Amino acid sequence: MFISSAWAQTAGGAGGASEMFGAIMPLVLIFAVFYFLLIRPQQKKAKEHREAVAAVRRGDKVITGGGIVGTIARVDEGSDEVLVEIAEGVKVRIKRGTLMDIVSRTEPAKPAANDTAKTK
């Protein structure tokens, strides 16, 4: 009474490979869209940030990850830490990775007169 008749569906025949291609193609297109619209620009921005943080010099004004604005007082080349002056006489050591933005860059420091005499 409550059981309806079930009818078997006929097999598709020779459409197996084209059906598989048709099922995979939307996934490939979605991945391509994600790559070009999300992943690639994010990787490019991260690379630019790494290069900018690696190129900081003494005197650059920076913003840290915590929102503190300061001036680079010293850069240790062998270390991944920099000394940032956040107020007059107040200096803190921070990791380079926590620098979020370089607000303004300074000109490279010119060597002192006594430094050039030593190199000759």
PDB file of N, CA and C in Angstrom:
ATOM      1  N   MET A   1       0.796  -1.190   0.000  1.00  0.00           N
ATOM      2  CA  MET A   1       0.000   0.000   0.000  1.00  0.00           C
ATOM      3  C   MET A   1       0.845   1.262   0.000  1.00  0.00           C
ATOM      4  N   PHE A   2       1.735   1.352   0.975  1.00  0.00           N
ATOM      5  CA  PHE A   2       2.554   2.557   1.072  1.00  0.00           C
ATOM      6  C   PHE A   2       3.856   2.438   0.300  1.00  0.00           C
ATOM      7  N   ILE A   3       4.115   1.304  -0.276  1.00  0.00           N
ATOM      8  CA  ILE A   3       5.351   1.096  -1.008  1.00  0.00           C
ATOM      9  C   ILE A   3       5.101   1.385  -2.475  1.00  0.00           C
ATOM     10  N   SER A   4       5.910   2.341  -3.002  1.00  0.00           N
ATOM     11  CA  SER A   4       5.752   2.659  -4.419  1.00  0.00           C
ATOM     12  C   SER A   4       6.733   1.826  -5.234  1.00  0.00           C
ATOM     13  N   SER A   5       6.464   1.693  -6.457  1.00  0.00           N
ATOM     14  CA  SER A   5       7.332   0.908  -7.335  1.00  0.00           C
ATOM     15  C   SER A   5       8.576   1.721  -7.660  1.00  0.00           C
ATOM     16  N   ALA A   6       9.747   1.077  -7.602  1.00  0.00           N
ATOM     17  CA  ALA A   6      11.007   1.724  -7.947  1.00  0.00           C
ATOM     18  C   ALA A   6      11.421   1.242  -9.321  1.00  0.00           C
ATOM     19  N   TRP A   7      11.731   2.165 -10.169  1.00  0.00           N
ATOM     20  CA  TRP A   7      12.113   1.827 -11.524  1.00  0.00           C
ATOM     21  C   TRP A   7      13.610   2.047 -11.682  1.00  0.00           C
ATOM     22  N   ALA A   8      14.263   1.105 -12.213  1.00  0.00           N
ATOM     23  CA  ALA A   8      15.709   1.205 -12.416  1.00  0.00           C
ATOM     24  C   ALA A   8      15.990   2.170 -13.558  1.00  0.00           C
ATOM     25  N   GLN A   9      17.080   2.960 -13.368  1.00  0.00           N
ATOM     26  CA  GLN A   9      17.454   3.917 -14.408  1.00  0.00           C
ATOM     27  C   GLN A   9      18.440   3.237 -15.344  1.00  0.00           C
ATOM     28  N   THR A  10      18.315   3.523 -16.599  1.00  0.00           N
ATOM     29  CA  THR A  10      19.208   2.889 -17.565  1.00  0.00           C
ATOM     30  C   THR A  10      20.597   3.507 -17.466  1.00  0.00           C
ATOM     31  N   ALA A  11      21.614   2.749 -17.785  1.00  0.00           N
ATOM     32  CA  ALA A  11      23.002   3.208 -17.726  1.00  0.00           C
ATOM     33  C   ALA A  11      23.250   4.240 -18.811  1.00  0.00           C
ATOM     34  N   GLY A  12      24.213   5.162 -18.552  1.00  0.00           N
ATOM     35  CA  GLY A  12      24.489   6.268 -19.456  1.00  0.00           C
ATOM     36  C   GLY A  12      25.216   5.876 -20.720  1.00  0.00           C
ATOM     37  N   GLY A  13      25.811   4.766 -20.777  1.00  0.00           N
ATOM     38  CA  GLY A  13      26.482   4.348 -21.998  1.00  0.00           C
ATOM     39  C   GLY A  13      27.908   4.874 -22.060  1.00  0.00           C
ATOM     40  N   ALA A  14      28.312   5.520 -23.162  1.00  0.00           N
ATOM     41  CA  ALA A  14      29.701   5.922 -23.411  1.00  0.00           C
ATOM     42  C   ALA A  14      30.033   7.307 -22.854  1.00  0.00           C
ATOM     43  N   GLY A  15      29.257   7.878 -21.999  1.00  0.00           N
ATOM     44  CA  GLY A  15      29.485   9.234 -21.493  1.00  0.00           C
ATOM     45  C   GLY A  15      30.308   9.282 -20.227  1.00  0.00           C
ATOM     46  N   GLY A  16      31.016   8.241 -19.838  1.00  0.00           N
ATOM     47  CA  GLY A  16      31.752   8.180 -18.579  1.00  0.00           C
ATOM     48  C   GLY A  16      32.866   9.210 -18.477  1.00  0.00           C
ATOM     49  N   ALA A  17      33.726   9.322 -19.477  1.00  0.00           N
ATOM     50  CA  ALA A  17      34.865  10.252 -19.430  1.00  0.00           C
ATOM     51  C   ALA A  17      34.393  11.694 -19.521  1.00  0.00           C
ATOM     52  N   SER A  18      33.429  11.972 -20.342  1.00  0.00           N
ATOM     53  CA  SER A  18      32.952  13.348 -20.476  1.00  0.00           C
ATOM     54  C   SER A  18      32.196  13.792 -19.226  1.00  0.00           C
ATOM     55  N   GLU A  19      31.526  12.873 -18.569  1.00  0.00           N
ATOM     56  CA  GLU A  19      30.849  13.217 -17.317  1.00  0.00           C
ATOM     57  C   GLU A  19      31.859  13.534 -16.221  1.00  0.00           C
ATOM     58  N   MET A  20      32.950  12.782 -16.185  1.00  0.00           N
ATOM     59  CA  MET A  20      33.983  13.026 -15.188  1.00  0.00           C
ATOM     60  C   MET A  20      34.662  14.373 -15.446  1.00  0.00           C
ATOM     61  N   PHE A  21      34.939  14.679 -16.698  1.00  0.00           N
ATOM     62  CA  PHE A  21      35.523  15.971 -17.055  1.00  0.00           C
ATOM     63  C   PHE A  21      34.569  17.106 -16.693  1.00  0.00           C
ATOM     64  N   GLY A  22      33.308  16.893 -16.935  1.00  0.00           N
ATOM     65  CA  GLY A  22      32.297  17.912 -16.602  1.00  0.00           C
ATOM     66  C   GLY A  22      32.154  18.124 -15.102  1.00  0.00           C
ATOM     67  N   ALA A  23      32.436  17.111 -14.307  1.00  0.00           N
ATOM     68  CA  ALA A  23      32.336  17.243 -12.853  1.00  0.00           C
ATOM     69  C   ALA A  23      33.585  17.893 -12.262  1.00  0.00           C
ATOM     70  N   ILE A  24      34.750  17.657 -12.865  1.00  0.00           N
ATOM     71  CA  ILE A  24      36.007  18.202 -12.341  1.00  0.00           C
ATOM     72  C   ILE A  24      36.234  19.636 -12.805  1.00  0.00           C
ATOM     73  N   MET A  25      35.740  20.001 -13.969  1.00  0.00           N
ATOM     74  CA  MET A  25      35.998  21.326 -14.531  1.00  0.00           C
ATOM     75  C   MET A  25      35.547  22.473 -13.615  1.00  0.00           C
ATOM     76  N   PRO A  26      34.397  22.441 -13.006  1.00  0.00           N
ATOM     77  CA  PRO A  26      34.033  23.539 -12.103  1.00  0.00           C
ATOM     78  C   PRO A  26      34.983  23.667 -10.907  1.00  0.00           C
ATOM     79  N   LEU A  27      35.482  22.552 -10.399  1.00  0.00           N
ATOM     80  CA  LEU A  27      36.433  22.614  -9.289  1.00  0.00           C
ATOM     81  C   LEU A  27      37.736  23.275  -9.715  1.00  0.00           C
ATOM     82  N   VAL A  28      38.204  22.970 -10.915  1.00  0.00           N
ATOM     83  CA  VAL A  28      39.425  23.582 -11.437  1.00  0.00           C
ATOM     84  C   VAL A  28      39.215  25.080 -11.630  1.00  0.00           C
ATOM     85  N   LEU A  29      38.082  25.460 -12.148  1.00  0.00           N
ATOM     86  CA  LEU A  29      37.787  26.881 -12.342  1.00  0.00           C
ATOM     87  C   LEU A  29      37.695  27.630 -11.010  1.00  0.00           C
ATOM     88  N   ILE A  30      37.097  27.027 -10.015  1.00  0.00           N
ATOM     89  CA  ILE A  30      37.004  27.660  -8.689  1.00  0.00           C
ATOM     90  C   ILE A  30      38.385  27.843  -8.097  1.00  0.00           C
ATOM     91  N   PHE A  31      39.260  26.824  -8.212  1.00  0.00           N
ATOM     92  CA  PHE A  31      40.618  26.951  -7.703  1.00  0.00           C
ATOM     93  C   PHE A  31      41.377  28.054  -8.432  1.00  0.00           C
ATOM     94  N   ALA A  32      41.226  28.150  -9.751  1.00  0.00           N
ATOM     95  CA  ALA A  32      41.910  29.196 -10.520  1.00  0.00           C
ATOM     96  C   ALA A  32      41.454  30.581 -10.091  1.00  0.00           C
ATOM     97  N   VAL A  33      40.163  30.745  -9.875  1.00  0.00           N
ATOM     98  CA  VAL A  33      39.639  32.040  -9.420  1.00  0.00           C
ATOM     99  C   VAL A  33      40.195  32.375  -8.045  1.00  0.00           C
ATOM    100  N   PHE A  34      40.197  31.433  -7.119  1.00  0.00           N
ATOM    101  CA  PHE A  34      40.748  31.672  -5.783  1.00  0.00           C
ATOM    102  C   PHE A  34      42.224  32.026  -5.860  1.00  0.00           C
ATOM    103  N   TYR A  35      42.971  31.346  -6.723  1.00  0.00           N
ATOM    104  CA  TYR A  35      44.402  31.607  -6.824  1.00  0.00           C
ATOM    105  C   TYR A  35      44.662  33.026  -7.314  1.00  0.00           C
ATOM    106  N   PHE A  36      44.015  33.428  -8.392  1.00  0.00           N
ATOM    107  CA  PHE A  36      44.293  34.732  -8.977  1.00  0.00           C
ATOM    108  C   PHE A  36      43.655  35.890  -8.222  1.00  0.00           C
ATOM    109  N   LEU A  37      42.565  35.663  -7.516  1.00  0.00           N
ATOM    110  CA  LEU A  37      41.912  36.756  -6.804  1.00  0.00           C
ATOM    111  C   LEU A  37      42.261  36.833  -5.318  1.00  0.00           C
ATOM    112  N   LEU A  38      42.693  35.733  -4.709  1.00  0.00           N
ATOM    113  CA  LEU A  38      42.967  35.742  -3.272  1.00  0.00           C
ATOM    114  C   LEU A  38      44.404  35.369  -2.920  1.00  0.00           C
ATOM    115  N   ILE A  39      44.864  34.231  -3.375  1.00  0.00           N
ATOM    116  CA  ILE A  39      46.155  33.705  -2.927  1.00  0.00           C
ATOM    117  C   ILE A  39      47.311  34.511  -3.498  1.00  0.00           C
ATOM    118  N   ARG A  40      47.337  34.739  -4.792  1.00  0.00           N
ATOM    119  CA  ARG A  40      48.462  35.433  -5.428  1.00  0.00           C
ATOM    120  C   ARG A  40      48.636  36.868  -4.922  1.00  0.00           C
ATOM    121  N   PRO A  41      47.579  37.688  -4.841  1.00  0.00           N
ATOM    122  CA  PRO A  41      47.773  39.039  -4.309  1.00  0.00           C
ATOM    123  C   PRO A  41      48.240  39.051  -2.854  1.00  0.00           C
ATOM    124  N   GLN A  42      47.773  38.096  -2.070  1.00  0.00           N
ATOM    125  CA  GLN A  42      48.185  38.023  -0.671  1.00  0.00           C
ATOM    126  C   GLN A  42      49.666  37.662  -0.560  1.00  0.00           C
ATOM    127  N   GLN A  43      50.150  36.753  -1.392  1.00  0.00           N
ATOM    128  CA  GLN A  43      51.566  36.398  -1.394  1.00  0.00           C
ATOM    129  C   GLN A  43      52.420  37.582  -1.842  1.00  0.00           C
ATOM    130  N   LYS A  44      51.955  38.341  -2.825  1.00  0.00           N
ATOM    131  CA  LYS A  44      52.686  39.503  -3.317  1.00  0.00           C
ATOM    132  C   LYS A  44      52.787  40.575  -2.229  1.00  0.00           C
ATOM    133  N   LYS A  45      51.701  40.801  -1.521  1.00  0.00           N
ATOM    134  CA  LYS A  45      51.703  41.793  -0.443  1.00  0.00           C
ATOM    135  C   LYS A  45      52.630  41.362   0.694  1.00  0.00           C
ATOM    136  N   ALA A  46      52.634  40.087   1.033  1.00  0.00           N
ATOM    137  CA  ALA A  46      53.512  39.573   2.091  1.00  0.00           C
ATOM    138  C   ALA A  46      54.976  39.716   1.691  1.00  0.00           C
ATOM    139  N   LYS A  47      55.288  39.481   0.427  1.00  0.00           N
ATOM    140  CA  LYS A  47      56.667  39.626  -0.047  1.00  0.00           C
ATOM    141  C   LYS A  47      57.104  41.083   0.033  1.00  0.00           C
ATOM    142  N   GLU A  48      56.255  42.004  -0.368  1.00  0.00           N
ATOM    143  CA  GLU A  48      56.583  43.427  -0.290  1.00  0.00           C
ATOM    144  C   GLU A  48      56.794  43.856   1.161  1.00  0.00           C
ATOM    145  N   HIS A  49      55.980  43.334   2.077  1.00  0.00           N
ATOM    146  CA  HIS A  49      56.124  43.670   3.494  1.00  0.00           C
ATOM    147  C   HIS A  49      57.449  43.155   4.045  1.00  0.00           C
ATOM    148  N   ARG A  50      57.815  41.906   3.696  1.00  0.00           N
ATOM    149  CA  ARG A  50      59.096  41.350   4.142  1.00  0.00           C
ATOM    150  C   ARG A  50      60.270  42.184   3.644  1.00  0.00           C
ATOM    151  N   GLU A  51      60.213  42.606   2.380  1.00  0.00           N
ATOM    152  CA  GLU A  51      61.284  43.420   1.820  1.00  0.00           C
ATOM    153  C   GLU A  51      61.360  44.788   2.499  1.00  0.00           C
ATOM    154  N   ALA A  52      60.216  45.391   2.780  1.00  0.00           N
ATOM    155  CA  ALA A  52      60.200  46.704   3.427  1.00  0.00           C
ATOM    156  C   ALA A  52      60.736  46.614   4.851  1.00  0.00           C
ATOM    157  N   VAL A  53      60.373  45.579   5.572  1.00  0.00           N
ATOM    158  CA  VAL A  53      60.835  45.417   6.957  1.00  0.00           C
ATOM    159  C   VAL A  53      62.333  45.114   6.978  1.00  0.00           C
ATOM    160  N   ALA A  54      62.811  44.367   6.007  1.00  0.00           N
ATOM    161  CA  ALA A  54      64.243  44.058   5.955  1.00  0.00           C
ATOM    162  C   ALA A  54      65.079  45.293   5.621  1.00  0.00           C
ATOM    163  N   ALA A  55      64.468  46.305   4.999  1.00  0.00           N
ATOM    164  CA  ALA A  55      65.207  47.482   4.559  1.00  0.00           C
ATOM    165  C   ALA A  55      65.077  48.672   5.512  1.00  0.00           C
ATOM    166  N   VAL A  56      64.589  48.472   6.728  1.00  0.00           N
ATOM    167  CA  VAL A  56      64.462  49.613   7.645  1.00  0.00           C
ATOM    168  C   VAL A  56      65.843  50.103   8.054  1.00  0.00           C
ATOM    169  N   ARG A  57      65.932  51.431   8.259  1.00  0.00           N
ATOM    170  CA  ARG A  57      67.182  52.069   8.666  1.00  0.00           C
ATOM    171  C   ARG A  57      66.920  52.943   9.883  1.00  0.00           C
ATOM    172  N   ARG A  58      68.024  53.362  10.497  1.00  0.00           N
ATOM    173  CA  ARG A  58      67.925  54.255  11.636  1.00  0.00           C
ATOM    174  C   ARG A  58      67.285  55.563  11.180  1.00  0.00           C
ATOM    175  N   GLY A  59      66.319  56.040  11.945  1.00  0.00           N
ATOM    176  CA  GLY A  59      65.631  57.285  11.632  1.00  0.00           C
ATOM    177  C   GLY A  59      64.286  57.098  10.955  1.00  0.00           C
ATOM    178  N   ASP A  60      63.974  55.895  10.489  1.00  0.00           N
ATOM    179  CA  ASP A  60      62.677  55.639   9.855  1.00  0.00           C
ATOM    180  C   ASP A  60      61.574  55.690  10.903  1.00  0.00           C
ATOM    181  N   LYS A  61      60.449  56.289  10.546  1.00  0.00           N
ATOM    182  CA  LYS A  61      59.276  56.288  11.429  1.00  0.00           C
ATOM    183  C   LYS A  61      58.450  55.057  11.079  1.00  0.00           C
ATOM    184  N   VAL A  62      58.093  54.287  12.116  1.00  0.00           N
ATOM    185  CA  VAL A  62      57.398  53.021  11.906  1.00  0.00           C
ATOM    186  C   VAL A  62      56.180  52.921  12.817  1.00  0.00           C
ATOM    187  N   ILE A  63      55.294  52.006  12.461  1.00  0.00           N
ATOM    188  CA  ILE A  63      54.145  51.654  13.297  1.00  0.00           C
ATOM    189  C   ILE A  63      54.272  50.177  13.613  1.00  0.00           C
ATOM    190  N   THR A  64      54.192  49.827  14.894  1.00  0.00           N
ATOM    191  CA  THR A  64      54.298  48.428  15.300  1.00  0.00           C
ATOM    192  C   THR A  64      52.938  47.745  15.200  1.00  0.00           C
ATOM    193  N   GLY A  65      52.940  46.450  15.399  1.00  0.00           N
ATOM    194  CA  GLY A  65      51.703  45.684  15.354  1.00  0.00           C
ATOM    195  C   GLY A  65      50.722  46.087  16.435  1.00  0.00           C
ATOM    196  N   GLY A  66      51.225  46.634  17.540  1.00  0.00           N
ATOM    197  CA  GLY A  66      50.350  47.086  18.621  1.00  0.00           C
ATOM    198  C   GLY A  66      49.848  48.503  18.437  1.00  0.00           C
ATOM    199  N   GLY A  67      50.260  49.157  17.340  1.00  0.00           N
ATOM    200  CA  GLY A  67      49.791  50.498  17.060  1.00  0.00           C
ATOM    201  C   GLY A  67      50.688  51.591  17.624  1.00  0.00           C
ATOM    202  N   ILE A  68      51.855  51.227  18.117  1.00  0.00           N
ATOM    203  CA  ILE A  68      52.778  52.208  18.672  1.00  0.00           C
ATOM    204  C   ILE A  68      53.579  52.828  17.528  1.00  0.00           C
ATOM    205  N   VAL A  69      53.630  54.168  17.520  1.00  0.00           N
ATOM    206  CA  VAL A  69      54.381  54.889  16.505  1.00  0.00           C
ATOM    207  C   VAL A  69      55.719  55.287  17.109  1.00  0.00           C
ATOM    208  N   GLY A  70      56.808  55.017  16.401  1.00  0.00           N
ATOM    209  CA  GLY A  70      58.129  55.345  16.917  1.00  0.00           C
ATOM    210  C   GLY A  70      59.128  55.530  15.801  1.00  0.00           C
ATOM    211  N   THR A  71      60.354  55.819  16.206  1.00  0.00           N
ATOM    212  CA  THR A  71      61.457  56.028  15.279  1.00  0.00           C
ATOM    213  C   THR A  71      62.518  54.965  15.539  1.00  0.00           C
ATOM    214  N   ILE A  72      63.041  54.382  14.474  1.00  0.00           N
ATOM    215  CA  ILE A  72      64.080  53.372  14.611  1.00  0.00           C
ATOM    216  C   ILE A  72      65.333  54.050  15.172  1.00  0.00           C
ATOM    217  N   ALA A  73      65.824  53.561  16.305  1.00  0.00           N
ATOM    218  CA  ALA A  73      67.024  54.111  16.927  1.00  0.00           C
ATOM    219  C   ALA A  73      68.256  53.294  16.560  1.00  0.00           C
ATOM    220  N   ARG A  74      68.109  51.986  16.436  1.00  0.00           N
ATOM    221  CA  ARG A  74      69.244  51.129  16.106  1.00  0.00           C
ATOM    222  C   ARG A  74      68.724  49.870  15.405  1.00  0.00           C
ATOM    223  N   VAL A  75      69.496  49.439  14.414  1.00  0.00           N
ATOM    224  CA  VAL A  75      69.166  48.219  13.689  1.00  0.00           C
ATOM    225  C   VAL A  75      70.332  47.259  13.858  1.00  0.00           C
ATOM    226  N   ASP A  76      70.084  46.100  14.415  1.00  0.00           N
ATOM    227  CA  ASP A  76      71.107  45.065  14.538  1.00  0.00           C
ATOM    228  C   ASP A  76      71.001  44.157  13.326  1.00  0.00           C
ATOM    229  N   GLU A  77      72.033  44.173  12.490  1.00  0.00           N
ATOM    230  CA  GLU A  77      71.992  43.407  11.239  1.00  0.00           C
ATOM    231  C   GLU A  77      71.961  41.902  11.481  1.00  0.00           C
ATOM    232  N   GLY A  78      72.648  41.418  12.505  1.00  0.00           N
ATOM    233  CA  GLY A  78      72.689  39.983  12.756  1.00  0.00           C
ATOM    234  C   GLY A  78      71.467  39.465  13.478  1.00  0.00           C
ATOM    235  N   SER A  79      70.645  40.360  13.977  1.00  0.00           N
ATOM    236  CA  SER A  79      69.491  39.978  14.782  1.00  0.00           C
ATOM    237  C   SER A  79      68.207  40.358  14.062  1.00  0.00           C
ATOM    238  N   ASP A  80      67.110  39.781  14.503  1.00  0.00           N
ATOM    239  CA  ASP A  80      65.822  40.165  13.935  1.00  0.00           C
ATOM    240  C   ASP A  80      65.101  41.157  14.846  1.00  0.00           C
ATOM    241  N   GLU A  81      65.866  41.876  15.669  1.00  0.00           N
ATOM    242  CA  GLU A  81      65.296  42.884  16.562  1.00  0.00           C
ATOM    243  C   GLU A  81      65.796  44.265  16.169  1.00  0.00           C
ATOM    244  N   VAL A  82      64.959  45.270  16.421  1.00  0.00           N
ATOM    245  CA  VAL A  82      65.340  46.663  16.221  1.00  0.00           C
ATOM    246  C   VAL A  82      65.013  47.425  17.497  1.00  0.00           C
ATOM    247  N   LEU A  83      65.720  48.525  17.710  1.00  0.00           N
ATOM    248  CA  LEU A  83      65.481  49.381  18.856  1.00  0.00           C
ATOM    249  C   LEU A  83      64.654  50.558  18.370  1.00  0.00           C
ATOM    250  N   VAL A  84      63.470  50.733  18.949  1.00  0.00           N
ATOM    251  CA  VAL A  84      62.552  51.785  18.525  1.00  0.00           C
ATOM    252  C   VAL A  84      62.379  52.774  19.659  1.00  0.00           C
ATOM    253  N   GLU A  85      62.540  54.061  19.347  1.00  0.00           N
ATOM    254  CA  GLU A  85      62.325  55.126  20.328  1.00  0.00           C
ATOM    255  C   GLU A  85      60.875  55.567  20.192  1.00  0.00           C
ATOM    256  N   ILE A  86      60.082  55.318  21.248  1.00  0.00           N
ATOM    257  CA  ILE A  86      58.659  55.641  21.179  1.00  0.00           C
ATOM    258  C   ILE A  86      58.343  56.978  21.839  1.00  0.00           C
ATOM    259  N   ALA A  87      59.260  57.478  22.669  1.00  0.00           N
ATOM    260  CA  ALA A  87      59.155  58.802  23.276  1.00  0.00           C
ATOM    261  C   ALA A  87      60.583  59.257  23.552  1.00  0.00           C
ATOM    262  N   GLU A  88      60.740  60.496  23.907  1.00  0.00           N
ATOM    263  CA  GLU A  88      62.084  61.005  24.156  1.00  0.00           C
ATOM    264  C   GLU A  88      62.702  60.264  25.339  1.00  0.00           C
ATOM    265  N   GLY A  89      63.770  59.538  25.064  1.00  0.00           N
ATOM    266  CA  GLY A  89      64.462  58.776  26.098  1.00  0.00           C
ATOM    267  C   GLY A  89      63.861  57.416  26.390  1.00  0.00           C
ATOM    268  N   VAL A  90      62.776  57.032  25.705  1.00  0.00           N
ATOM    269  CA  VAL A  90      62.139  55.728  25.926  1.00  0.00           C
ATOM    270  C   VAL A  90      62.365  54.874  24.685  1.00  0.00           C
ATOM    271  N   LYS A  91      63.175  53.822  24.838  1.00  0.00           N
ATOM    272  CA  LYS A  91      63.485  52.937  23.716  1.00  0.00           C
ATOM    273  C   LYS A  91      63.078  51.517  24.074  1.00  0.00           C
ATOM    274  N   VAL A  92      62.498  50.831  23.104  1.00  0.00           N
ATOM    275  CA  VAL A  92      62.077  49.444  23.299  1.00  0.00           C
ATOM    276  C   VAL A  92      62.640  48.597  22.169  1.00  0.00           C
ATOM    277  N   ARG A  93      62.976  47.346  22.494  1.00  0.00           N
ATOM    278  CA  ARG A  93      63.415  46.390  21.482  1.00  0.00           C
ATOM    279  C   ARG A  93      62.201  45.628  20.996  1.00  0.00           C
ATOM    280  N   ILE A  94      62.055  45.553  19.690  1.00  0.00           N
ATOM    281  CA  ILE A  94      60.929  44.805  19.122  1.00  0.00           C
ATOM    282  C   ILE A  94      61.451  43.915  17.992  1.00  0.00           C
ATOM    283  N   LYS A  95      60.697  42.900  17.670  1.00  0.00           N
ATOM    284  CA  LYS A  95      61.012  42.018  16.555  1.00  0.00           C
ATOM    285  C   LYS A  95      60.655  42.726  15.247  1.00  0.00           C
ATOM    286  N   ARG A  96      61.457  42.476  14.222  1.00  0.00           N
ATOM    287  CA  ARG A  96      61.179  43.102  12.924  1.00  0.00           C
ATOM    288  C   ARG A  96      59.823  42.675  12.373  1.00  0.00           C
ATOM    289  N   GLY A  97      59.429  41.448  12.653  1.00  0.00           N
ATOM    290  CA  GLY A  97      58.162  40.941  12.132  1.00  0.00           C
ATOM    291  C   GLY A  97      56.944  41.660  12.667  1.00  0.00           C
ATOM    292  N   THR A  98      57.100  42.364  13.800  1.00  0.00           N
ATOM    293  CA  THR A  98      55.947  43.072  14.365  1.00  0.00           C
ATOM    294  C   THR A  98      55.793  44.472  13.793  1.00  0.00           C
ATOM    295  N   LEU A  99      56.712  44.893  12.925  1.00  0.00           N
ATOM    296  CA  LEU A  99      56.552  46.183  12.263  1.00  0.00           C
ATOM    297  C   LEU A  99      55.451  46.048  11.218  1.00  0.00           C
ATOM    298  N   MET A 100      54.451  46.895  11.326  1.00  0.00           N
ATOM    299  CA  MET A 100      53.328  46.806  10.402  1.00  0.00           C
ATOM    300  C   MET A 100      53.481  47.741   9.209  1.00  0.00           C
ATOM    301  N   ASP A 101      54.052  48.923   9.424  1.00  0.00           N
ATOM    302  CA  ASP A 101      54.135  49.896   8.354  1.00  0.00           C
ATOM    303  C   ASP A 101      55.330  50.808   8.584  1.00  0.00           C
ATOM    304  N   ILE A 102      55.940  51.252   7.514  1.00  0.00           N
ATOM    305  CA  ILE A 102      56.995  52.252   7.574  1.00  0.00           C
ATOM    306  C   ILE A 102      56.362  53.548   7.092  1.00  0.00           C
ATOM    307  N   VAL A 103      56.196  54.503   8.019  1.00  0.00           N
ATOM    308  CA  VAL A 103      55.485  55.737   7.714  1.00  0.00           C
ATOM    309  C   VAL A 103      56.338  56.648   6.840  1.00  0.00           C
ATOM    310  N   SER A 104      57.592  56.879   7.236  1.00  0.00           N
ATOM    311  CA  SER A 104      58.477  57.717   6.434  1.00  0.00           C
ATOM    312  C   SER A 104      59.886  57.161   6.500  1.00  0.00           C
ATOM    313  N   ARG A 105      60.572  57.287   5.390  1.00  0.00           N
ATOM    314  CA  ARG A 105      61.934  56.792   5.301  1.00  0.00           C
ATOM    315  C   ARG A 105      62.893  57.969   5.350  1.00  0.00           C
ATOM    316  N   THR A 106      64.086  57.718   5.865  1.00  0.00           N
ATOM    317  CA  THR A 106      65.121  58.745   5.920  1.00  0.00           C
ATOM    318  C   THR A 106      66.162  58.468   4.856  1.00  0.00           C
ATOM    319  N   GLU A 107      66.960  59.469   4.576  1.00  0.00           N
ATOM    320  CA  GLU A 107      68.076  59.306   3.649  1.00  0.00           C
ATOM    321  C   GLU A 107      69.139  58.465   4.334  1.00  0.00           C
ATOM    322  N   PRO A 108      69.904  57.681   3.576  1.00  0.00           N
ATOM    323  CA  PRO A 108      70.989  56.909   4.192  1.00  0.00           C
ATOM    324  C   PRO A 108      71.995  57.846   4.853  1.00  0.00           C
ATOM    325  N   ALA A 109      72.506  57.424   5.978  1.00  0.00           N
ATOM    326  CA  ALA A 109      73.459  58.244   6.714  1.00  0.00           C
ATOM    327  C   ALA A 109      74.754  58.351   5.929  1.00  0.00           C
ATOM    328  N   LYS A 110      75.284  59.578   5.860  1.00  0.00           N
ATOM    329  CA  LYS A 110      76.553  59.795   5.170  1.00  0.00           C
ATOM    330  C   LYS A 110      77.681  59.446   6.130  1.00  0.00           C
ATOM    331  N   PRO A 111      78.752  58.836   5.624  1.00  0.00           N
ATOM    332  CA  PRO A 111      79.861  58.488   6.519  1.00  0.00           C
ATOM    333  C   PRO A 111      80.529  59.752   7.054  1.00  0.00           C
ATOM    334  N   ALA A 112      80.947  59.687   8.297  1.00  0.00           N
ATOM    335  CA  ALA A 112      81.632  60.818   8.927  1.00  0.00           C
ATOM    336  C   ALA A 112      82.998  61.008   8.304  1.00  0.00           C
ATOM    337  N   ALA A 113      83.588  62.198   8.486  1.00  0.00           N
ATOM    338  CA  ALA A 113      84.894  62.507   7.884  1.00  0.00           C
ATOM    339  C   ALA A 113      85.975  61.579   8.406  1.00  0.00           C
ATOM    340  N   ASN A 114      85.901  61.226   9.696  1.00  0.00           N
ATOM    341  CA  ASN A 114      86.928  60.334  10.256  1.00  0.00           C
ATOM    342  C   ASN A 114      86.752  58.897   9.769  1.00  0.00           C
ATOM    343  N   ASP A 115      85.533  58.507   9.358  1.00  0.00           N
ATOM    344  CA  ASP A 115      85.303  57.165   8.811  1.00  0.00           C
ATOM    345  C   ASP A 115      85.964  57.008   7.449  1.00  0.00           C
ATOM    346  N   THR A 116      85.929  58.039   6.624  1.00  0.00           N
ATOM    347  CA  THR A 116      86.531  57.947   5.294  1.00  0.00           C
ATOM    348  C   THR A 116      88.039  57.902   5.393  1.00  0.00           C
ATOM    349  N   ALA A 117      88.611  58.566   6.395  1.00  0.00           N
ATOM    350  CA  ALA A 117      90.057  58.532   6.569  1.00  0.00           C
ATOM    351  C   ALA A 117      90.524  57.139   6.978  1.00  0.00           C
ATOM    352  N   LYS A 118      89.721  56.415   7.727  1.00  0.00           N
ATOM    353  CA  LYS A 118      90.083  55.071   8.184  1.00  0.00           C
ATOM    354  C   LYS A 118      90.055  54.078   7.014  1.00  0.00           C
ATOM    355  N   THR A 119      89.136  54.274   6.066  1.00  0.00           N
ATOM    356  CA  THR A 119      89.006  53.318   4.969  1.00  0.00           C
ATOM    357  C   THR A 119      90.090  53.493   3.927  1.00  0.00           C
ATOM    358  N   LYS A 120      90.746  54.646   3.868  1.00  0.00           N
ATOM    359  CA  LYS A 120      91.788  54.887   2.850  1.00  0.00           C
ATOM    360  C   LYS A 120      93.085  54.314   3.238  1.00  0.00           C
TER     361      LYS A 120
END
